[in-house]
Protein backbone atom coordinates (compact mmCIF):
# COMPACT_ATOMS: atom_id res chain seq x y z
CA MET A 1 104.42 83.31 97.99
CA TYR A 2 106.69 81.88 95.30
CA PHE A 3 106.25 78.38 93.92
CA ASP A 4 108.85 76.41 91.99
CA SER A 5 106.35 74.52 89.84
CA PHE A 6 102.67 74.20 89.15
CA ALA A 7 102.58 71.03 91.28
CA SER A 8 103.96 72.91 94.28
CA PHE A 9 101.36 75.61 93.64
CA ILE A 10 98.60 72.98 93.78
CA GLU A 11 100.10 71.43 96.94
CA MET A 12 100.40 74.84 98.67
CA GLY A 13 103.08 73.56 101.01
CA GLY A 14 100.97 70.64 102.18
CA HIS A 15 97.86 72.75 102.72
CA GLY A 16 96.49 72.33 99.19
CA PRO A 17 93.44 70.20 100.01
CA TYR A 18 92.26 72.71 102.60
CA VAL A 19 92.95 75.75 100.43
CA TRP A 20 91.30 74.32 97.32
CA ALA A 21 88.33 73.04 99.33
CA CYS A 22 87.79 76.56 100.67
CA TYR A 23 88.00 77.99 97.16
CA ALA A 24 85.49 75.40 95.93
CA ILE A 25 83.07 76.19 98.75
CA ALA A 26 83.40 79.93 98.07
CA VAL A 27 82.68 79.41 94.36
CA LEU A 28 79.64 77.27 95.18
CA VAL A 29 78.29 79.96 97.51
CA VAL A 30 78.75 82.66 94.88
CA VAL A 31 77.11 80.53 92.18
CA PHE A 32 74.17 79.79 94.49
CA ASN A 33 73.82 83.49 95.36
CA VAL A 34 73.58 84.34 91.66
CA TRP A 35 71.42 81.38 90.62
CA SER A 36 68.85 81.47 93.44
CA PRO A 37 67.36 84.93 92.74
CA LEU A 38 67.26 84.18 89.01
CA ARG A 39 65.30 80.99 89.68
CA ILE A 40 62.93 82.77 92.06
CA ARG A 41 62.38 85.57 89.51
CA LYS A 42 61.67 83.06 86.74
CA ASN A 43 59.15 81.19 88.92
CA PHE A 44 57.49 84.49 89.89
CA ILE A 45 57.11 85.52 86.24
CA VAL A 46 55.68 82.12 85.30
CA ASP A 47 53.21 82.29 88.19
CA MET A 48 52.15 85.84 87.29
CA LYS A 49 51.60 84.90 83.64
CA ARG A 50 49.55 81.92 84.74
CA ARG A 51 47.51 84.10 87.09
CA LEU A 52 46.91 86.77 84.42
CA ARG A 53 45.77 84.15 81.91
CA ARG A 54 43.41 82.66 84.48
CA GLU A 55 41.95 86.08 85.37
CA ALA A 56 41.53 87.02 81.70
CA LYS A 57 39.20 84.05 81.10
């Protein structure tokens, strides 16, 4: 699709709000899918360190 200006690109022929909302939701899902396992891994490591320290005493 060819757009005359950046404004018409943002508008997407009147469908801009829907298109950009879908892009925003997709980006949020991807960010959550990357962030969630990292957070779970960090919490697991912290818990294991805490457990090892407690068992060492």
